[in-house]
C-alpha atoms as a PDB file:
ATOM      1  CA  MET A   1      -5.743 -49.751  -8.566  1.00  0.00           C
ATOM      2  CA  LYS A   2      -2.186 -48.447  -8.889  1.00  0.00           C
ATOM      3  CA  ALA A   3      -3.104 -46.386 -11.944  1.00  0.00           C
ATOM      4  CA  ILE A   4      -6.104 -44.955 -10.123  1.00  0.00           C
ATOM      5  CA  LYS A   5      -3.936 -43.926  -7.169  1.00  0.00           C
ATOM      6  CA  VAL A   6      -1.362 -42.315  -9.470  1.00  0.00           C
ATOM      7  CA  PHE A   7      -3.967 -40.265 -11.313  1.00  0.00           C
ATOM      8  CA  SER A   8      -5.729 -39.360  -8.074  1.00  0.00           C
ATOM      9  CA  ALA A   9      -2.448 -38.073  -6.698  1.00  0.00           C
ATOM     10  CA  SER A  10      -1.784 -36.123  -9.890  1.00  0.00           C
ATOM     11  CA  LEU A  11      -5.253 -34.614  -9.759  1.00  0.00           C
ATOM     12  CA  GLY A  12      -4.689 -33.589  -6.162  1.00  0.00           C
ATOM     13  CA  MET A  13      -1.414 -31.873  -7.022  1.00  0.00           C
ATOM     14  CA  VAL A  14      -2.978 -30.004  -9.929  1.00  0.00           C
ATOM     15  CA  CYS A  15      -5.847 -28.796  -7.765  1.00  0.00           C
ATOM     16  CA  ALA A  16      -3.382 -27.717  -5.108  1.00  0.00           C
ATOM     17  CA  ALA A  17      -1.416 -25.781  -7.723  1.00  0.00           C
ATOM     18  CA  LEU A  18      -4.587 -24.052  -8.863  1.00  0.00           C
ATOM     19  CA  LEU A  19      -5.646 -23.093  -5.358  1.00  0.00           C
ATOM     20  CA  ALA A  20      -2.264 -22.255  -3.835  1.00  0.00           C
ATOM     21  CA  THR A  21      -1.653 -18.599  -2.941  1.00  0.00           C
ATOM     22  CA  PRO A  22       1.977 -17.512  -2.539  1.00  0.00           C
ATOM     23  CA  ALA A  23       2.952 -15.994   0.777  1.00  0.00           C
ATOM     24  CA  SER A  24       3.297 -12.227   0.761  1.00  0.00           C
ATOM     25  CA  ALA A  25       6.764 -10.695   0.865  1.00  0.00           C
ATOM     26  CA  GLN A  26       7.649  -7.306   2.289  1.00  0.00           C
ATOM     27  CA  GLN A  27       9.200  -4.746  -0.067  1.00  0.00           C
ATOM     28  CA  SER A  28      10.799  -1.437   0.856  1.00  0.00           C
ATOM     29  CA  TYR A  29      10.489   1.632  -1.413  1.00  0.00           C
ATOM     30  CA  ASN A  30      13.212   4.180  -0.589  1.00  0.00           C
ATOM     31  CA  PHE A  31      12.879   7.762  -1.902  1.00  0.00           C
ATOM     32  CA  ALA A  32      16.290   8.995  -0.716  1.00  0.00           C
ATOM     33  CA  ASN A  33      19.339   9.503  -2.887  1.00  0.00           C
ATOM     34  CA  GLY A  34      20.627   6.073  -3.889  1.00  0.00           C
ATOM     35  CA  GLY A  35      17.359   4.383  -2.886  1.00  0.00           C
ATOM     36  CA  ASN A  36      15.479   2.013  -5.164  1.00  0.00           C
ATOM     37  CA  CYS A  37      12.752   4.681  -5.569  1.00  0.00           C
ATOM     38  CA  ASN A  38      15.038   7.717  -5.546  1.00  0.00           C
ATOM     39  CA  PHE A  39      12.917  10.810  -6.270  1.00  0.00           C
ATOM     40  CA  PRO A  40      12.576  12.128  -8.947  1.00  0.00           C
ATOM     41  CA  PRO A  41      10.802  10.663 -10.887  1.00  0.00           C
ATOM     42  CA  ALA A  42       7.464  10.253  -9.101  1.00  0.00           C
ATOM     43  CA  THR A  43       7.017   6.684 -10.367  1.00  0.00           C
ATOM     44  CA  CYS A  44       9.477   3.915  -9.600  1.00  0.00           C
ATOM     45  CA  SER A  45       9.779   0.253 -10.539  1.00  0.00           C
ATOM     46  CA  VAL A  46      11.271  -2.512  -8.443  1.00  0.00           C
ATOM     47  CA  THR A  47      11.760  -6.205  -9.128  1.00  0.00           C
ATOM     48  CA  GLY A  48       8.259  -7.592  -8.784  1.00  0.00           C
ATOM     49  CA  SER A  49       6.854 -11.078  -8.360  1.00  0.00           C
ATOM     50  CA  ALA A  50       3.594 -12.730  -7.435  1.00  0.00           C
ATOM     51  CA  THR A  51       4.119 -11.377  -3.914  1.00  0.00           C
ATOM     52  CA  VAL A  52       5.856  -8.004  -4.450  1.00  0.00           C
ATOM     53  CA  ALA A  53       4.208  -4.926  -6.005  1.00  0.00           C
ATOM     54  CA  ASP A  54       6.546  -3.759  -8.783  1.00  0.00           C
ATOM     55  CA  THR A  55       5.372  -0.161  -9.289  1.00  0.00           C
ATOM     56  CA  LEU A  56       4.763   2.779  -6.964  1.00  0.00           C
ATOM     57  CA  SER A  57       3.683   6.293  -7.933  1.00  0.00           C
ATOM     58  CA  ILE A  58       3.596   9.153  -5.444  1.00  0.00           C
ATOM     59  CA  SER A  59       1.875  12.534  -5.434  1.00  0.00           C
ATOM     60  CA  ALA A  60       1.564  15.362  -2.913  1.00  0.00           C
ATOM     61  CA  TRP A  61      -1.547  17.114  -1.651  1.00  0.00           C
ATOM     62  CA  GLY A  62      -2.305  19.947   0.764  1.00  0.00           C
ATOM     63  CA  ALA A  63      -5.521  21.342   2.244  1.00  0.00           C
ATOM     64  CA  ALA A  64      -6.183  24.649   3.923  1.00  0.00           C
ATOM     65  CA  ALA A  65      -8.479  24.507   6.949  1.00  0.00           C
ATOM     66  CA  GLY A  66     -11.961  23.445   5.815  1.00  0.00           C
ATOM     67  CA  ALA A  67     -11.023  23.376   2.122  1.00  0.00           C
ATOM     68  CA  ASN A  68     -10.531  20.561  -0.381  1.00  0.00           C
ATOM     69  CA  PHE A  69      -7.092  19.139  -1.084  1.00  0.00           C
ATOM     70  CA  THR A  70      -5.166  20.605  -3.992  1.00  0.00           C
ATOM     71  CA  ALA A  71      -2.132  19.195  -5.790  1.00  0.00           C
ATOM     72  CA  ALA A  72       1.184  20.219  -4.269  1.00  0.00           C
ATOM     73  CA  THR A  73       4.824  19.874  -5.243  1.00  0.00           C
ATOM     74  CA  ILE A  74       6.962  16.984  -4.023  1.00  0.00           C
ATOM     75  CA  THR A  75      10.408  18.222  -3.071  1.00  0.00           C
ATOM     76  CA  ASP A  76      13.624  16.233  -3.295  1.00  0.00           C
ATOM     77  CA  GLN A  77      15.199  16.232   0.166  1.00  0.00           C
ATOM     78  CA  SER A  78      18.339  14.296  -0.779  1.00  0.00           C
ATOM     79  CA  SER A  79      19.253  11.582   1.746  1.00  0.00           C
ATOM     80  CA  SER A  80      16.258  12.522   3.922  1.00  0.00           C
ATOM     81  CA  GLY A  81      13.738  11.470   1.264  1.00  0.00           C
ATOM     82  CA  ILE A  82      10.872  13.698   0.121  1.00  0.00           C
ATOM     83  CA  GLY A  83       8.944  16.691   1.430  1.00  0.00           C
ATOM     84  CA  ILE A  84       5.960  18.743   0.255  1.00  0.00           C
ATOM     85  CA  ASP A  85       5.875  22.361  -0.859  1.00  0.00           C
ATOM     86  CA  SER A  86       2.284  23.527  -0.451  1.00  0.00           C
ATOM     87  CA  ASP A  87       2.895  26.449   1.907  1.00  0.00           C
ATOM     88  CA  GLY A  88       6.510  27.426   1.389  1.00  0.00           C
ATOM     89  CA  ASN A  89       9.797  25.756   0.521  1.00  0.00           C
ATOM     90  CA  THR A  90      11.975  26.996   3.365  1.00  0.00           C
ATOM     91  CA  ALA A  91      12.689  25.006   6.522  1.00  0.00           C
ATOM     92  CA  PRO A  92      10.674  23.564   8.089  1.00  0.00           C
ATOM     93  CA  ASN A  93       7.804  24.069   5.597  1.00  0.00           C
ATOM     94  CA  HIS A  94       9.652  22.060   2.945  1.00  0.00           C
ATOM     95  CA  ALA A  95       8.758  18.917   4.919  1.00  0.00           C
ATOM     96  CA  VAL A  96       5.396  17.124   5.236  1.00  0.00           C
ATOM     97  CA  ASP A  97       3.591  19.082   7.937  1.00  0.00           C
ATOM     98  CA  ASN A  98       0.285  20.080   9.529  1.00  0.00           C
ATOM     99  CA  VAL A  99       1.042  23.748  10.188  1.00  0.00           C
ATOM    100  CA  GLY A 100      -1.249  25.914   8.101  1.00  0.00           C
ATOM    101  CA  ARG A 101      -2.123  23.432   5.379  1.00  0.00           C
ATOM    102  CA  LEU A 102      -2.495  19.721   6.124  1.00  0.00           C
ATOM    103  CA  GLU A 103      -0.073  17.865   3.853  1.00  0.00           C
ATOM    104  CA  THR A 104      -0.219  14.246   2.741  1.00  0.00           C
ATOM    105  CA  VAL A 105       1.588  11.861   0.368  1.00  0.00           C
ATOM    106  CA  LEU A 106      -0.628   9.687  -1.838  1.00  0.00           C
ATOM    107  CA  LEU A 107       0.875   6.256  -2.607  1.00  0.00           C
ATOM    108  CA  ASN A 108      -0.485   4.495  -5.700  1.00  0.00           C
ATOM    109  CA  PHE A 109       0.564   0.861  -6.165  1.00  0.00           C
ATOM    110  CA  GLU A 110      -1.399   0.747  -9.428  1.00  0.00           C
ATOM    111  CA  ASN A 111      -3.360  -2.510  -9.829  1.00  0.00           C
ATOM    112  CA  ASN A 112      -1.656  -4.172  -6.865  1.00  0.00           C
ATOM    113  CA  LYS A 113      -3.347  -4.392  -3.470  1.00  0.00           C
ATOM    114  CA  VAL A 114      -0.904  -4.017  -0.575  1.00  0.00           C
ATOM    115  CA  VAL A 115      -0.789  -3.490   3.175  1.00  0.00           C
ATOM    116  CA  LEU A 116       1.477  -0.665   4.273  1.00  0.00           C
ATOM    117  CA  THR A 117       3.717  -2.239   6.900  1.00  0.00           C
ATOM    118  CA  GLY A 118       6.361   0.374   7.764  1.00  0.00           C
ATOM    119  CA  LEU A 119       7.495   4.007   7.455  1.00  0.00           C
ATOM    120  CA  ALA A 120      10.756   5.864   7.908  1.00  0.00           C
ATOM    121  CA  ALA A 121      11.481   9.575   8.207  1.00  0.00           C
ATOM    122  CA  GLY A 122      14.928  10.831   7.241  1.00  0.00           C
ATOM    123  CA  TRP A 123      14.424  14.085   9.153  1.00  0.00           C
ATOM    124  CA  PHE A 124      11.951  15.738  11.501  1.00  0.00           C
ATOM    125  CA  GLN A 125      11.542  18.938  13.452  1.00  0.00           C
ATOM    126  CA  THR A 126       9.648  19.364  16.730  1.00  0.00           C
ATOM    127  CA  ASP A 127       7.563  16.200  16.251  1.00  0.00           C
ATOM    128  CA  SER A 128       6.716  13.589  13.607  1.00  0.00           C
ATOM    129  CA  ASP A 129       3.219  12.303  14.283  1.00  0.00           C
ATOM    130  CA  VAL A 130       1.698  10.688  11.197  1.00  0.00           C
ATOM    131  CA  ALA A 131      -1.636   9.191  10.168  1.00  0.00           C
ATOM    132  CA  ILE A 132      -1.876   6.244   7.753  1.00  0.00           C
ATOM    133  CA  LEU A 133      -5.086   5.882   5.761  1.00  0.00           C
ATOM    134  CA  ARG A 134      -6.288   3.134   3.408  1.00  0.00           C
ATOM    135  CA  TRP A 135      -8.508   3.778   0.384  1.00  0.00           C
ATOM    136  CA  THR A 136     -11.733   1.802   0.797  1.00  0.00           C
ATOM    137  CA  GLY A 137     -13.698   3.491  -1.978  1.00  0.00           C
ATOM    138  CA  ALA A 138     -14.245   2.385  -5.567  1.00  0.00           C
ATOM    139  CA  ASP A 139     -11.500   0.462  -7.409  1.00  0.00           C
ATOM    140  CA  THR A 140     -11.150   3.425  -9.760  1.00  0.00           C
ATOM    141  CA  GLY A 141      -9.287   5.145  -6.917  1.00  0.00           C
ATOM    142  CA  PRO A 142      -9.522   8.510  -5.149  1.00  0.00           C
ATOM    143  CA  ASN A 143      -9.964  11.969  -6.605  1.00  0.00           C
ATOM    144  CA  MET A 144      -8.180  13.995  -3.959  1.00  0.00           C
ATOM    145  CA  ALA A 145      -9.478  17.265  -5.387  1.00  0.00           C
ATOM    146  CA  ASN A 146     -12.932  16.202  -4.158  1.00  0.00           C
ATOM    147  CA  VAL A 147     -11.707  15.311  -0.640  1.00  0.00           C
ATOM    148  CA  ASN A 148     -12.085  17.861   2.131  1.00  0.00           C
ATOM    149  CA  ASP A 149      -9.529  18.677   4.826  1.00  0.00           C
ATOM    150  CA  PHE A 150      -9.463  15.783   7.315  1.00  0.00           C
ATOM    151  CA  ARG A 151      -9.159  18.014  10.362  1.00  0.00           C
ATOM    152  CA  GLY A 152     -12.297  18.069  12.482  1.00  0.00           C
ATOM    153  CA  LYS A 153     -13.858  15.136  10.633  1.00  0.00           C
ATOM    154  CA  THR A 154     -15.404  12.076  12.265  1.00  0.00           C
ATOM    155  CA  GLU A 155     -14.462   8.511  11.382  1.00  0.00           C
ATOM    156  CA  ALA A 156     -17.789   8.142   9.549  1.00  0.00           C
ATOM    157  CA  GLN A 157     -17.052  11.245   7.463  1.00  0.00           C
ATOM    158  CA  LEU A 158     -13.648   9.861   6.498  1.00  0.00           C
ATOM    159  CA  VAL A 159     -15.203   6.562   5.438  1.00  0.00           C
ATOM    160  CA  SER A 160     -17.855   8.426   3.461  1.00  0.00           C
ATOM    161  CA  ALA A 161     -15.023  10.149   1.576  1.00  0.00           C
ATOM    162  CA  GLY A 162     -13.498   6.741   0.814  1.00  0.00           C
ATOM    163  CA  TRP A 163     -10.734   6.705   3.421  1.00  0.00           C
ATOM    164  CA  THR A 164     -10.250   4.602   6.557  1.00  0.00           C
ATOM    165  CA  LEU A 165      -7.748   5.626   9.233  1.00  0.00           C
ATOM    166  CA  MET A 166      -5.646   2.512   9.862  1.00  0.00           C
ATOM    167  CA  SER A 167      -2.867   3.686  12.159  1.00  0.00           C
ATOM    168  CA  THR A 168      -1.148   6.623  13.845  1.00  0.00           C
ATOM    169  CA  ARG A 169       2.534   6.736  14.708  1.00  0.00           C
ATOM    170  CA  ASP A 170       5.125   9.081  16.186  1.00  0.00           C
ATOM    171  CA  LEU A 171       8.093   8.252  13.954  1.00  0.00           C
ATOM    172  CA  ASP A 172      10.714   9.682  16.298  1.00  0.00           C
ATOM    173  CA  TYR A 173       9.313   8.118  19.481  1.00  0.00           C
ATOM    174  CA  ASN A 174      12.205   6.494  21.410  1.00  0.00           C
ATOM    175  CA  ASP A 175      14.388   6.826  18.312  1.00  0.00           C
ATOM    176  CA  GLY A 176      17.398   9.103  18.546  1.00  0.00           C
ATOM    177  CA  SER A 177      18.868   8.887  15.060  1.00  0.00           C
ATOM    178  CA  SER A 178      17.862   8.958  11.404  1.00  0.00           C
ATOM    179  CA  PRO A 179      16.191   7.101   9.807  1.00  0.00           C
ATOM    180  CA  TYR A 180      13.305   7.226  12.266  1.00  0.00           C
ATOM    181  CA  THR A 181      11.566   3.949  11.516  1.00  0.00           C
ATOM    182  CA  LYS A 182       8.272   2.537  12.745  1.00  0.00           C
ATOM    183  CA  SER A 183       6.033  -0.384  11.929  1.00  0.00           C
ATOM    184  CA  THR A 184       2.503   0.704  11.059  1.00  0.00           C
ATOM    185  CA  GLY A 185       1.045  -2.037  13.246  1.00  0.00           C
ATOM    186  CA  ILE A 186      -1.600  -2.770  10.607  1.00  0.00           C
ATOM    187  CA  ALA A 187      -2.664  -6.426  10.446  1.00  0.00           C
ATOM    188  CA  GLU A 188      -1.073  -7.985   7.358  1.00  0.00           C
ATOM    189  CA  THR A 189      -4.159  -9.554   5.816  1.00  0.00           C
ATOM    190  CA  ALA A 190      -5.792  -9.416   2.398  1.00  0.00           C
ATOM    191  CA  ALA A 191      -8.809  -7.740   4.023  1.00  0.00           C
ATOM    192  CA  ASN A 192      -6.612  -4.713   4.840  1.00  0.00           C
ATOM    193  CA  ALA A 193      -5.002  -4.466   1.404  1.00  0.00           C
ATOM    194  CA  SER A 194      -5.570  -1.528  -0.953  1.00  0.00           C
ATOM    195  CA  SER A 195      -3.947  -0.006  -4.032  1.00  0.00           C
ATOM    196  CA  TRP A 196      -3.967   3.526  -2.564  1.00  0.00           C
ATOM    197  CA  TRP A 197      -2.624   4.736   0.779  1.00  0.00           C
ATOM    198  CA  LEU A 198      -2.096   8.130   2.389  1.00  0.00           C
ATOM    199  CA  VAL A 199       0.789   9.053   4.670  1.00  0.00           C
ATOM    200  CA  SER A 200      -0.372  12.287   6.271  1.00  0.00           C
ATOM    201  CA  ALA A 201       0.814  14.624   8.949  1.00  0.00           C
ATOM    202  CA  TYR A 202      -1.358  13.837  11.980  1.00  0.00           C
ATOM    203  CA  PHE A 203      -4.727  15.602  11.943  1.00  0.00           C
ATOM    204  CA  GLY A 204      -6.460  14.274  15.038  1.00  0.00           C
ATOM    205  CA  LEU A 205      -9.536  12.114  15.295  1.00  0.00           C
ATOM    206  CA  ALA A 206     -11.382  11.034  18.411  1.00  0.00           C
ATOM    207  CA  GLY A 207      -9.623   7.942  19.754  1.00  0.00           C
ATOM    208  CA  SER A 208      -6.974   7.937  17.029  1.00  0.00           C
ATOM    209  CA  ASN A 209      -3.933   8.917  19.100  1.00  0.00           C
ATOM    210  CA  THR A 210      -3.242   5.314  20.031  1.00  0.00           C
ATOM    211  CA  GLY A 211       0.308   5.211  18.693  1.00  0.00           C
ATOM    212  CA  LEU A 212       2.979   5.742  21.349  1.00  0.00           C
ATOM    213  CA  GLY A 213       3.978   9.407  21.445  1.00  0.00           C
ATOM    214  CA  VAL A 214       1.101  10.622  19.237  1.00  0.00           C
ATOM    215  CA  ASP A 215      -0.312  13.661  20.981  1.00  0.00           C
ATOM    216  CA  ASN A 216      -1.339  16.864  19.194  1.00  0.00           C
ATOM    217  CA  THR A 217      -2.145  18.089  15.711  1.00  0.00           C
ATOM    218  CA  ALA A 218       0.409  20.854  15.420  1.00  0.00           C
ATOM    219  CA  ASN A 219       4.106  21.286  14.754  1.00  0.00           C
ATOM    220  CA  ASP A 220       4.649  17.926  13.059  1.00  0.00           C
ATOM    221  CA  TYR A 221       7.321  18.204  10.361  1.00  0.00           C
ATOM    222  CA  PHE A 222       8.899  15.156   8.724  1.00  0.00           C
ATOM    223  CA  LYS A 223      10.572  14.089   5.481  1.00  0.00           C
ATOM    224  CA  LEU A 224       9.382  10.718   4.246  1.00  0.00           C
ATOM    225  CA  GLN A 225      12.385   8.575   3.429  1.00  0.00           C
ATOM    226  CA  SER A 226      10.780   5.193   2.741  1.00  0.00           C
ATOM    227  CA  VAL A 227       7.697   3.004   3.023  1.00  0.00           C
ATOM    228  CA  SER A 228       7.361  -0.773   3.194  1.00  0.00           C
ATOM    229  CA  ALA A 229       4.471  -2.850   1.911  1.00  0.00           C
ATOM    230  CA  LYS A 230       3.288  -6.414   1.405  1.00  0.00           C
ATOM    231  CA  CYS A 231       1.363  -7.304  -1.738  1.00  0.00           C
ATOM    232  CA  PHE A 232      -1.687  -9.561  -1.464  1.00  0.00           C
ATOM    233  CA  GLY A 233      -2.920  -9.606  -5.060  1.00  0.00           C
ATOM    234  CA  ALA A 234      -4.287  -7.440  -7.856  1.00  0.00           C
ATOM    235  CA  THR A 235      -7.496  -5.437  -8.028  1.00  0.00           C
ATOM    236  CA  HIS A 236      -8.920  -7.892 -10.601  1.00  0.00           C
ATOM    237  CA  GLY A 237      -8.361 -10.863  -8.285  1.00  0.00           C
ATOM    238  CA  GLY A 238      -5.163 -12.250  -9.820  1.00  0.00           C
ATOM    239  CA  ALA A 239      -1.638 -12.405  -8.451  1.00  0.00           C
ATOM    240  CA  CYS A 240       0.409  -9.272  -7.848  1.00  0.00           C
ATOM    241  CA  ASN A 241       1.579  -7.586 -11.082  1.00  0.00           C
ATOM    242  CA  SER A 242      -0.663  -9.743 -13.276  1.00  0.00           C
ATOM    243  CA  GLU A 243      -2.802  -8.157 -15.959  1.00  0.00           C
ATOM    244  CA  PRO A 244      -6.526  -8.924 -16.163  1.00  0.00           C
ATOM    245  CA  PRO A 245      -7.551 -11.074 -19.167  1.00  0.00           C
ATOM    246  CA  SER A 246      -8.568  -8.709 -21.973  1.00  0.00           C
ATOM    247  CA  ASN A 247     -11.729 -10.666 -22.829  1.00  0.00           C
ATOM    248  CA  GLY A 248     -12.554 -12.118 -19.440  1.00  0.00           C
ATOM    249  CA  THR A 249     -11.322 -15.606 -20.371  1.00  0.00           C
ATOM    250  CA  PRO A 250      -8.897 -17.644 -18.254  1.00  0.00           C
ATOM    251  CA  GLU A 251      -5.198 -17.367 -19.006  1.00  0.00           C
ATOM    252  CA  PRO A 252      -3.637 -20.175 -21.126  1.00  0.00           C
ATOM    253  CA  ALA A 253      -1.636 -21.613 -18.236  1.00  0.00           C
ATOM    254  CA  THR A 254      -4.773 -21.878 -16.135  1.00  0.00           C
ATOM    255  CA  LEU A 255      -6.650 -23.560 -18.991  1.00  0.00           C
ATOM    256  CA  ALA A 256      -3.840 -26.081 -19.422  1.00  0.00           C
ATOM    257  CA  LEU A 257      -3.904 -27.013 -15.742  1.00  0.00           C
ATOM    258  CA  VAL A 258      -7.677 -27.387 -15.764  1.00  0.00           C
ATOM    259  CA  GLY A 259      -7.499 -29.538 -18.888  1.00  0.00           C
ATOM    260  CA  LEU A 260      -4.876 -31.770 -17.307  1.00  0.00           C
ATOM    261  CA  ALA A 261      -6.976 -32.152 -14.188  1.00  0.00           C
ATOM    262  CA  LEU A 262     -10.082 -33.106 -16.178  1.00  0.00           C
ATOM    263  CA  ALA A 263      -8.152 -35.570 -18.333  1.00  0.00           C
ATOM    264  CA  GLY A 264      -6.698 -37.250 -15.272  1.00  0.00           C
ATOM    265  CA  ALA A 265     -10.091 -37.520 -13.643  1.00  0.00           C
ATOM    266  CA  SER A 266     -11.633 -39.033 -16.806  1.00  0.00           C
ATOM    267  CA  LEU A 267      -8.888 -41.628 -17.208  1.00  0.00           C
ATOM    268  CA  SER A 268      -9.130 -42.549 -13.526  1.00  0.00           C
ATOM    269  CA  ARG A 269     -12.842 -43.241 -13.930  1.00  0.00           C
ATOM    270  CA  ARG A 270     -12.250 -45.405 -17.013  1.00  0.00           C
ATOM    271  CA  LYS A 271      -9.592 -47.455 -15.192  1.00  0.00           C
ATOM    272  CA  GLN A 272     -11.896 -47.896 -12.248  1.00  0.00           C
ATOM    273  CA  ARG A 273     -14.737 -49.182 -14.453  1.00  0.00           C
ATOM    274  CA  LYS A 274     -12.406 -51.672 -16.171  1.00  0.00           C
ATOM    275  CA  GLY A 275     -11.173 -52.917 -12.794  1.00  0.00           C
END
């Protein structure tokens, strides 16, 4: 019986190893001078793991009233982070803003699915209301050139375009010095994870001004200094940063663990019959 207990315990540990999911860890991506994602370039790499997304690419988009988004230029704002030049590069239009064109930063964590947990602005003028949206469309990701200006849209229209509004925040609310940092308040669960997120100047939506200090859809100017995220896995169902098997077969390490589990179970049965 001792051998049976030993192999049963081993089988249990192997199964636990197969089923265990590592806890998610928060990672900050800082676009300011000296930050780990100092812009430029538009793609940065950090030390990744099974719980930390290792790559982030950013792009800028702007939409005139009622028109589709078009690609814009990300501007290097030194220690303040990044801005967007879609309607002028002089202050305050060199920031991310909602005056004239609605401007937004697209965050692409590649094949990793994350929850955006925090934001920081290195600078703002007048106000800094932001909207945080999660891509809920196809795994192939968004084509922003086919997305219409968010202003005046309903929640259903946003969802139809592949985007879900997850949070609104006033980054400078009750914060008197840079960086102006806020938690997104988004529940940190796998169900809320996505590979693509938008950090947009606030555009208004019925019932969306729930964040403290979020009020109107005009005169919001901010420079995005950093974002924080927690990784919950990859788009193909594996751990963060893992590549999908090229032929759809299990990875060698997984096969070895399964083989060990089956061998242990078989030997346990033989011992039991002999006893």
